[in-house]
Every structure is written in C-alpha cells, then in structure tokens.
Amino acid sequence: MLTRSLGRSDLLITPPGFGTWAVGGAGRPFAWGHQDDGQSITAIHEAIDLGIDWIDTERRSIGALLPA
C-alpha cells in the first residue's frame, strides 16, 4: 500500500486512515449512539489486515477498547 510522510517526520503512514469517532459509542458530546464493541474490534482488525497503519486512537473514542 502507498505510504506518505507524516508531516515533517520520517514516519511513513498509509494515506487512508481508520477514524474511530463512532467506536466510542454513546455517553459523550456529539456521540453517534451505542456501538457494538465486537463489531468495532472486527472493523479495526480488518483495516489492519488491509494494510492501513494509521488509526485514530483518541482516548475518548477508542480508549476503552485498548489494553491498559
């Protein structure tokens, strides 16, 4: 998969990323409502399997699914 530099760094990431805004579910401002954690985890694994290596892991959206 094509990669690009992240800003001015030497890190290379895939241009398509995986946004996790909806993964966080309900209970926060601008939430998209309840989301099934199993489906969210499956979607993340699918993105990785497809070669996507840039995943938005902002704490409020996906933090609860990440191991401590």
Protein backbone atom coordinates (compact mmCIF):
# COMPACT_ATOMS: atom_id res chain seq x y z
CA MET A 1 0.00 0.00 0.00
CA LEU A 2 1.14 3.53 -0.73
CA THR A 3 2.64 5.43 2.21
CA ARG A 4 3.38 9.09 2.84
CA SER A 5 5.48 11.00 5.35
CA LEU A 6 3.65 12.14 8.46
CA GLY A 7 4.21 15.89 8.47
CA ARG A 8 7.90 16.68 8.51
CA SER A 9 8.84 13.47 10.31
CA ASP A 10 10.44 10.36 8.88
CA LEU A 11 7.37 8.30 9.84
CA LEU A 12 5.52 6.75 6.92
CA ILE A 13 1.79 6.11 7.17
CA THR A 14 -0.92 4.99 4.77
CA PRO A 15 -2.99 7.83 3.26
CA PRO A 16 -6.28 6.16 4.18
CA GLY A 17 -6.64 6.01 7.93
CA PHE A 18 -9.20 4.47 10.23
CA GLY A 19 -11.19 7.04 12.21
CA THR A 20 -12.65 5.81 15.47
CA TRP A 21 -15.11 8.55 16.34
CA ALA A 22 -18.11 6.21 16.22
CA VAL A 23 -16.30 3.41 18.05
CA GLY A 24 -16.58 5.30 21.35
CA GLY A 25 -20.34 4.82 21.42
CA ALA A 26 -22.85 6.85 23.39
CA GLY A 27 -22.45 8.96 26.51
CA ARG A 28 -20.30 11.81 25.23
CA PRO A 29 -20.95 15.03 23.34
CA PHE A 30 -21.63 14.52 19.63
CA ALA A 31 -21.64 10.71 20.05
CA TRP A 32 -23.19 8.56 17.35
CA GLY A 33 -25.07 6.35 19.83
CA HIS A 34 -24.43 2.82 21.02
CA GLN A 35 -21.87 0.80 19.06
CA ASP A 36 -21.17 -2.91 19.35
CA ASP A 37 -17.63 -3.34 20.71
CA GLY A 38 -17.21 -6.69 18.94
CA GLN A 39 -18.05 -5.16 15.57
CA SER A 40 -15.74 -2.22 16.26
CA ILE A 41 -12.83 -4.52 17.10
CA THR A 42 -13.54 -6.62 13.99
CA ALA A 43 -13.51 -3.47 11.83
CA ILE A 44 -10.16 -2.38 13.31
CA HIS A 45 -8.65 -5.80 12.64
CA GLU A 46 -9.98 -5.69 9.07
CA ALA A 47 -8.39 -2.29 8.50
CA ILE A 48 -5.04 -3.62 9.75
CA ASP A 49 -5.37 -6.74 7.59
CA LEU A 50 -5.94 -4.47 4.57
CA GLY A 51 -2.69 -2.64 5.30
CA ILE A 52 -3.99 0.51 6.98
CA ASP A 53 -1.49 1.54 9.63
CA TRP A 54 -2.86 4.91 10.72
CA ILE A 55 -5.63 4.52 13.31
CA ASP A 56 -7.06 7.50 15.18
CA THR A 57 -6.91 6.29 18.78
CA GLU A 58 -8.06 9.41 20.57
CA ARG A 59 -8.73 8.30 24.16
CA ARG A 60 -12.38 9.32 24.28
CA SER A 61 -13.29 7.43 21.12
CA ILE A 62 -11.41 4.12 21.25
CA GLY A 63 -9.55 4.22 24.56
CA ALA A 64 -11.92 1.83 26.32
CA LEU A 65 -11.14 -0.91 23.76
CA LEU A 66 -7.35 -0.59 24.06
CA PRO A 67 -5.45 -2.76 26.52
CA ALA A 68 -4.07 -0.88 29.51
